[in-house]
Amino acid sequence: MKEVLGAIWEGLKTVARAWGRVVNTVLLSIVYFTLFGITALIAMVAGKDLLDMRPCPTAPSVWHQWERREADLEDCLRQS
């Protein structure tokens, strides 16, 4: 009797692990697409370009000029 219950228990644990993976994937996908979707919609409505990807119509080029400066010890210690 103990062996039969042990086998049933192991089978239930296997099913529970598989079901947990499915539920975990579905829930995380819903949360991910909901959060990023809402953020994208808010940014679109507000007219914001959060990644700075849109070209400026008045600029002669899409290249961004970056300020080049020498890194010192303080910059190396504060990597933000």
C-alpha atoms as a PDB file:
ATOM      1  CA  MET A   1       0.000   0.000   0.000  1.00  0.00           C
ATOM      2  CA  LYS A   2       2.823   2.381   0.892  1.00  0.00           C
ATOM      3  CA  GLU A   3       4.531   1.795  -2.472  1.00  0.00           C
ATOM      4  CA  VAL A   4       1.317   2.504  -4.379  1.00  0.00           C
ATOM      5  CA  LEU A   5       0.731   5.769  -2.525  1.00  0.00           C
ATOM      6  CA  GLY A   6       4.381   6.739  -3.043  1.00  0.00           C
ATOM      7  CA  ALA A   7       4.074   6.144  -6.795  1.00  0.00           C
ATOM      8  CA  ILE A   8       0.843   8.153  -6.942  1.00  0.00           C
ATOM      9  CA  TRP A   9       2.511  10.964  -4.970  1.00  0.00           C
ATOM     10  CA  GLU A  10       5.505  11.063  -7.346  1.00  0.00           C
ATOM     11  CA  GLY A  11       3.150  11.142 -10.327  1.00  0.00           C
ATOM     12  CA  LEU A  12       1.181  14.006  -8.814  1.00  0.00           C
ATOM     13  CA  LYS A  13       4.389  15.944  -8.175  1.00  0.00           C
ATOM     14  CA  THR A  14       5.414  15.507 -11.820  1.00  0.00           C
ATOM     15  CA  VAL A  15       2.016  16.752 -13.016  1.00  0.00           C
ATOM     16  CA  ALA A  16       2.161  19.675 -10.564  1.00  0.00           C
ATOM     17  CA  ARG A  17       5.634  20.712 -11.806  1.00  0.00           C
ATOM     18  CA  ALA A  18       4.464  20.668 -15.426  1.00  0.00           C
ATOM     19  CA  TRP A  19       1.293  22.602 -14.557  1.00  0.00           C
ATOM     20  CA  GLY A  20       3.352  25.125 -12.576  1.00  0.00           C
ATOM     21  CA  ARG A  21       5.590  25.767 -15.577  1.00  0.00           C
ATOM     22  CA  VAL A  22       2.568  26.376 -17.805  1.00  0.00           C
ATOM     23  CA  VAL A  23       0.853  28.699 -15.334  1.00  0.00           C
ATOM     24  CA  ASN A  24       4.117  30.522 -14.595  1.00  0.00           C
ATOM     25  CA  THR A  25       4.769  31.134 -18.295  1.00  0.00           C
ATOM     26  CA  VAL A  26       1.230  32.337 -18.952  1.00  0.00           C
ATOM     27  CA  LEU A  27       1.095  34.663 -15.930  1.00  0.00           C
ATOM     28  CA  LEU A  28       4.530  36.167 -16.554  1.00  0.00           C
ATOM     29  CA  SER A  29       3.672  36.722 -20.222  1.00  0.00           C
ATOM     30  CA  ILE A  30       0.457  38.495 -19.292  1.00  0.00           C
ATOM     31  CA  VAL A  31       2.240  40.729 -16.756  1.00  0.00           C
ATOM     32  CA  TYR A  32       5.107  41.489 -19.166  1.00  0.00           C
ATOM     33  CA  PHE A  33       2.944  42.450 -22.136  1.00  0.00           C
ATOM     34  CA  THR A  34       0.473  44.354 -19.961  1.00  0.00           C
ATOM     35  CA  LEU A  35       3.127  46.489 -18.265  1.00  0.00           C
ATOM     36  CA  PHE A  36       5.119  47.225 -21.404  1.00  0.00           C
ATOM     37  CA  GLY A  37       1.965  47.670 -23.467  1.00  0.00           C
ATOM     38  CA  ILE A  38       0.530  50.236 -21.068  1.00  0.00           C
ATOM     39  CA  THR A  39       3.881  52.029 -20.910  1.00  0.00           C
ATOM     40  CA  ALA A  40       4.084  52.128 -24.709  1.00  0.00           C
ATOM     41  CA  LEU A  41       0.524  53.438 -25.031  1.00  0.00           C
ATOM     42  CA  ILE A  42       1.118  56.164 -22.453  1.00  0.00           C
ATOM     43  CA  ALA A  43       4.346  57.181 -24.220  1.00  0.00           C
ATOM     44  CA  MET A  44       2.584  57.258 -27.596  1.00  0.00           C
ATOM     45  CA  VAL A  45      -0.278  59.378 -26.282  1.00  0.00           C
ATOM     46  CA  ALA A  46       2.188  61.726 -24.564  1.00  0.00           C
ATOM     47  CA  GLY A  47       4.277  61.940 -27.742  1.00  0.00           C
ATOM     48  CA  LYS A  48       7.438  60.784 -25.978  1.00  0.00           C
ATOM     49  CA  ASP A  49      10.279  58.892 -27.625  1.00  0.00           C
ATOM     50  CA  LEU A  50      11.671  56.990 -24.661  1.00  0.00           C
ATOM     51  CA  LEU A  51      14.471  55.329 -26.634  1.00  0.00           C
ATOM     52  CA  ASP A  52      15.333  58.438 -28.666  1.00  0.00           C
ATOM     53  CA  MET A  53      14.878  56.518 -31.918  1.00  0.00           C
ATOM     54  CA  ARG A  54      12.848  58.960 -34.016  1.00  0.00           C
ATOM     55  CA  PRO A  55      14.865  61.085 -36.403  1.00  0.00           C
ATOM     56  CA  CYS A  56      14.648  64.828 -35.979  1.00  0.00           C
ATOM     57  CA  PRO A  57      13.186  66.335 -39.172  1.00  0.00           C
ATOM     58  CA  THR A  58      15.338  69.459 -38.934  1.00  0.00           C
ATOM     59  CA  ALA A  59      18.626  67.650 -38.280  1.00  0.00           C
ATOM     60  CA  PRO A  60      20.967  67.105 -41.226  1.00  0.00           C
ATOM     61  CA  SER A  61      21.808  63.609 -39.985  1.00  0.00           C
ATOM     62  CA  VAL A  62      20.462  60.987 -37.603  1.00  0.00           C
ATOM     63  CA  TRP A  63      23.850  60.722 -35.945  1.00  0.00           C
ATOM     64  CA  HIS A  64      23.963  61.953 -32.340  1.00  0.00           C
ATOM     65  CA  GLN A  65      27.026  63.953 -31.424  1.00  0.00           C
ATOM     66  CA  TRP A  66      28.302  62.751 -28.094  1.00  0.00           C
ATOM     67  CA  GLU A  67      30.453  64.737 -25.763  1.00  0.00           C
ATOM     68  CA  ARG A  68      33.811  63.001 -25.515  1.00  0.00           C
ATOM     69  CA  ARG A  69      35.564  63.392 -22.232  1.00  0.00           C
ATOM     70  CA  GLU A  70      38.424  61.691 -20.482  1.00  0.00           C
ATOM     71  CA  ALA A  71      37.469  59.168 -17.796  1.00  0.00           C
ATOM     72  CA  ASP A  72      39.047  59.777 -14.425  1.00  0.00           C
ATOM     73  CA  LEU A  73      39.081  57.759 -11.223  1.00  0.00           C
ATOM     74  CA  GLU A  74      35.876  59.376  -9.959  1.00  0.00           C
ATOM     75  CA  ASP A  75      33.984  58.246 -13.082  1.00  0.00           C
ATOM     76  CA  CYS A  76      35.301  54.719 -12.683  1.00  0.00           C
ATOM     77  CA  LEU A  77      34.162  54.549  -9.068  1.00  0.00           C
ATOM     78  CA  ARG A  78      30.693  55.949  -9.855  1.00  0.00           C
ATOM     79  CA  GLN A  79      29.389  53.821 -12.738  1.00  0.00           C
ATOM     80  CA  SER A  80      25.851  55.051 -13.099  1.00  0.00           C
END
